[in-house]
Amino acid sequence: PVPSNSPMTECASPSRLALAAAEAEGIALEIHCGSLSGYRGVYRRLSDGRFSAYCVRAGSLVFLGRFGTAVEAALCYARGKRAGALVHAALGPTCTLTAREAVA
């Protein structure tokens, strides 16, 4: 991430900052040609023009957040997907958690 005191934060757009953060974290944003947003897991809200990020976890659709740009939402999706993969690798494919275990 770009430090808050960096001169880049004063003039860079949210999209440029998100792209810089993705590059710094080694995260690839997933392009999706079938999506109006252009990114997998990112949907444009027609009511206000903002972008929502969703992912699927344990067969359920999970809302990740709402963002001003598609790139910011795609970064959130990619981070969420990476975090889910890390948990899956650590716990194993057959391990399931109860709701109480998940928040502990």
C-alpha atoms as a PDB file:
ATOM      1  CA  PRO A   1       0.000   0.000   0.000  1.00  0.00           C
ATOM      2  CA  VAL A   2       0.996   3.598  -0.586  1.00  0.00           C
ATOM      3  CA  PRO A   3       1.962   5.407   2.637  1.00  0.00           C
ATOM      4  CA  SER A   4      -0.500   8.134   3.632  1.00  0.00           C
ATOM      5  CA  ASN A   5       2.265  10.735   3.633  1.00  0.00           C
ATOM      6  CA  SER A   6       3.377   9.821   0.102  1.00  0.00           C
ATOM      7  CA  PRO A   7       3.018  12.560  -2.546  1.00  0.00           C
ATOM      8  CA  MET A   8       1.329   9.918  -4.722  1.00  0.00           C
ATOM      9  CA  THR A   9      -1.752   9.942  -2.469  1.00  0.00           C
ATOM     10  CA  GLU A  10      -2.374  13.615  -3.195  1.00  0.00           C
ATOM     11  CA  CYS A  11      -2.666  13.332  -6.975  1.00  0.00           C
ATOM     12  CA  ALA A  12      -3.413   9.680  -7.733  1.00  0.00           C
ATOM     13  CA  SER A  13      -6.914   8.467  -8.460  1.00  0.00           C
ATOM     14  CA  PRO A  14      -8.431   5.649  -6.380  1.00  0.00           C
ATOM     15  CA  SER A  15      -8.034   3.321  -9.382  1.00  0.00           C
ATOM     16  CA  ARG A  16      -4.325   4.082  -9.699  1.00  0.00           C
ATOM     17  CA  LEU A  17      -3.823   3.573  -5.975  1.00  0.00           C
ATOM     18  CA  ALA A  18      -5.661   0.225  -6.127  1.00  0.00           C
ATOM     19  CA  LEU A  19      -3.544  -0.907  -9.085  1.00  0.00           C
ATOM     20  CA  ALA A  20      -0.373   0.133  -7.250  1.00  0.00           C
ATOM     21  CA  ALA A  21      -1.508  -1.770  -4.144  1.00  0.00           C
ATOM     22  CA  ALA A  22      -2.267  -4.892  -6.218  1.00  0.00           C
ATOM     23  CA  GLU A  23       1.176  -4.739  -7.787  1.00  0.00           C
ATOM     24  CA  ALA A  24       2.885  -4.183  -4.434  1.00  0.00           C
ATOM     25  CA  GLU A  25       1.020  -7.150  -2.926  1.00  0.00           C
ATOM     26  CA  GLY A  26       1.657  -9.370  -5.948  1.00  0.00           C
ATOM     27  CA  ILE A  27      -2.060  -9.744  -6.628  1.00  0.00           C
ATOM     28  CA  ALA A  28      -3.420 -10.177 -10.147  1.00  0.00           C
ATOM     29  CA  LEU A  29      -6.849  -8.643 -10.759  1.00  0.00           C
ATOM     30  CA  GLU A  30      -9.090 -11.090 -12.623  1.00  0.00           C
ATOM     31  CA  ILE A  31     -10.408  -9.741 -15.916  1.00  0.00           C
ATOM     32  CA  HIS A  32     -13.866 -11.025 -16.878  1.00  0.00           C
ATOM     33  CA  CYS A  33     -15.115 -10.198 -20.364  1.00  0.00           C
ATOM     34  CA  GLY A  34     -18.703 -11.205 -19.551  1.00  0.00           C
ATOM     35  CA  SER A  35     -19.003  -8.651 -16.763  1.00  0.00           C
ATOM     36  CA  LEU A  36     -20.007  -5.038 -17.353  1.00  0.00           C
ATOM     37  CA  SER A  37     -17.391  -4.011 -14.798  1.00  0.00           C
ATOM     38  CA  GLY A  38     -14.650  -5.915 -16.632  1.00  0.00           C
ATOM     39  CA  TYR A  39     -13.579  -7.798 -13.486  1.00  0.00           C
ATOM     40  CA  ARG A  40     -14.578 -11.123 -11.960  1.00  0.00           C
ATOM     41  CA  GLY A  41     -16.638 -10.761  -8.787  1.00  0.00           C
ATOM     42  CA  VAL A  42     -17.399  -7.078  -9.437  1.00  0.00           C
ATOM     43  CA  TYR A  43     -20.838  -5.752 -10.331  1.00  0.00           C
ATOM     44  CA  ARG A  44     -21.916  -2.210 -11.148  1.00  0.00           C
ATOM     45  CA  ARG A  45     -24.950  -0.992  -9.252  1.00  0.00           C
ATOM     46  CA  LEU A  46     -27.326   0.711 -11.650  1.00  0.00           C
ATOM     47  CA  SER A  47     -28.939   2.739  -8.867  1.00  0.00           C
ATOM     48  CA  ASP A  48     -25.839   4.747  -7.944  1.00  0.00           C
ATOM     49  CA  GLY A  49     -23.092   3.692 -10.371  1.00  0.00           C
ATOM     50  CA  ARG A  50     -20.885   2.297  -7.583  1.00  0.00           C
ATOM     51  CA  PHE A  51     -19.273  -1.144  -7.746  1.00  0.00           C
ATOM     52  CA  SER A  52     -19.956  -4.078  -5.417  1.00  0.00           C
ATOM     53  CA  ALA A  53     -17.576  -6.978  -4.835  1.00  0.00           C
ATOM     54  CA  TYR A  54     -18.835 -10.487  -4.057  1.00  0.00           C
ATOM     55  CA  CYS A  55     -17.202 -13.896  -3.722  1.00  0.00           C
ATOM     56  CA  VAL A  56     -18.466 -17.407  -3.088  1.00  0.00           C
ATOM     57  CA  ARG A  57     -17.433 -19.078   0.157  1.00  0.00           C
ATOM     58  CA  ALA A  58     -18.701 -22.506   1.202  1.00  0.00           C
ATOM     59  CA  GLY A  59     -21.344 -22.292  -1.521  1.00  0.00           C
ATOM     60  CA  SER A  60     -22.750 -18.956  -0.342  1.00  0.00           C
ATOM     61  CA  LEU A  61     -22.465 -15.557  -1.985  1.00  0.00           C
ATOM     62  CA  VAL A  62     -20.581 -13.179   0.335  1.00  0.00           C
ATOM     63  CA  PHE A  63     -20.762  -9.380   0.002  1.00  0.00           C
ATOM     64  CA  LEU A  64     -17.268  -7.901   0.346  1.00  0.00           C
ATOM     65  CA  GLY A  65     -18.002  -4.201   0.001  1.00  0.00           C
ATOM     66  CA  ARG A  66     -19.050  -1.289  -2.180  1.00  0.00           C
ATOM     67  CA  PHE A  67     -16.507   0.910  -3.971  1.00  0.00           C
ATOM     68  CA  GLY A  68     -16.277   3.978  -6.165  1.00  0.00           C
ATOM     69  CA  THR A  69     -14.303   2.255  -8.916  1.00  0.00           C
ATOM     70  CA  ALA A  70     -14.272  -1.208 -10.480  1.00  0.00           C
ATOM     71  CA  VAL A  71     -10.536  -1.518  -9.839  1.00  0.00           C
ATOM     72  CA  GLU A  72     -10.965  -0.966  -6.080  1.00  0.00           C
ATOM     73  CA  ALA A  73     -13.703  -3.607  -5.990  1.00  0.00           C
ATOM     74  CA  ALA A  74     -11.552  -6.022  -8.034  1.00  0.00           C
ATOM     75  CA  LEU A  75      -8.697  -5.575  -5.565  1.00  0.00           C
ATOM     76  CA  CYS A  76     -11.043  -6.380  -2.674  1.00  0.00           C
ATOM     77  CA  TYR A  77     -12.280  -9.494  -4.546  1.00  0.00           C
ATOM     78  CA  ALA A  78      -8.715 -10.639  -5.252  1.00  0.00           C
ATOM     79  CA  ARG A  79      -7.688 -10.107  -1.615  1.00  0.00           C
ATOM     80  CA  GLY A  80     -10.752 -12.027  -0.423  1.00  0.00           C
ATOM     81  CA  LYS A  81     -10.090 -14.855  -2.826  1.00  0.00           C
ATOM     82  CA  ARG A  82      -6.452 -15.044  -1.724  1.00  0.00           C
ATOM     83  CA  ALA A  83      -7.433 -15.047   1.953  1.00  0.00           C
ATOM     84  CA  GLY A  84      -9.934 -17.840   1.310  1.00  0.00           C
ATOM     85  CA  ALA A  85      -7.289 -19.893  -0.493  1.00  0.00           C
ATOM     86  CA  LEU A  86      -4.860 -19.444   2.408  1.00  0.00           C
ATOM     87  CA  VAL A  87      -7.458 -20.643   4.913  1.00  0.00           C
ATOM     88  CA  HIS A  88      -8.320 -23.601   2.678  1.00  0.00           C
ATOM     89  CA  ALA A  89      -4.638 -24.550   2.403  1.00  0.00           C
ATOM     90  CA  ALA A  90      -4.090 -24.240   6.152  1.00  0.00           C
ATOM     91  CA  LEU A  91      -7.183 -26.146   7.256  1.00  0.00           C
ATOM     92  CA  GLY A  92      -7.480 -28.653   4.425  1.00  0.00           C
ATOM     93  CA  PRO A  93     -10.258 -29.212   1.906  1.00  0.00           C
ATOM     94  CA  THR A  94     -12.494 -31.266   4.203  1.00  0.00           C
ATOM     95  CA  CYS A  95     -12.259 -29.065   7.275  1.00  0.00           C
ATOM     96  CA  THR A  96     -15.356 -27.061   8.107  1.00  0.00           C
ATOM     97  CA  LEU A  97     -15.831 -24.582  10.914  1.00  0.00           C
ATOM     98  CA  THR A  98     -18.893 -23.899  12.964  1.00  0.00           C
ATOM     99  CA  ALA A  99     -20.016 -20.274  13.246  1.00  0.00           C
ATOM    100  CA  ARG A 100     -18.599 -20.129  16.778  1.00  0.00           C
ATOM    101  CA  GLU A 101     -15.195 -21.473  15.625  1.00  0.00           C
ATOM    102  CA  ALA A 102     -15.060 -19.016  12.721  1.00  0.00           C
ATOM    103  CA  VAL A 103     -15.293 -15.956  14.954  1.00  0.00           C
ATOM    104  CA  ALA A 104     -13.079 -17.307  17.762  1.00  0.00           C
END
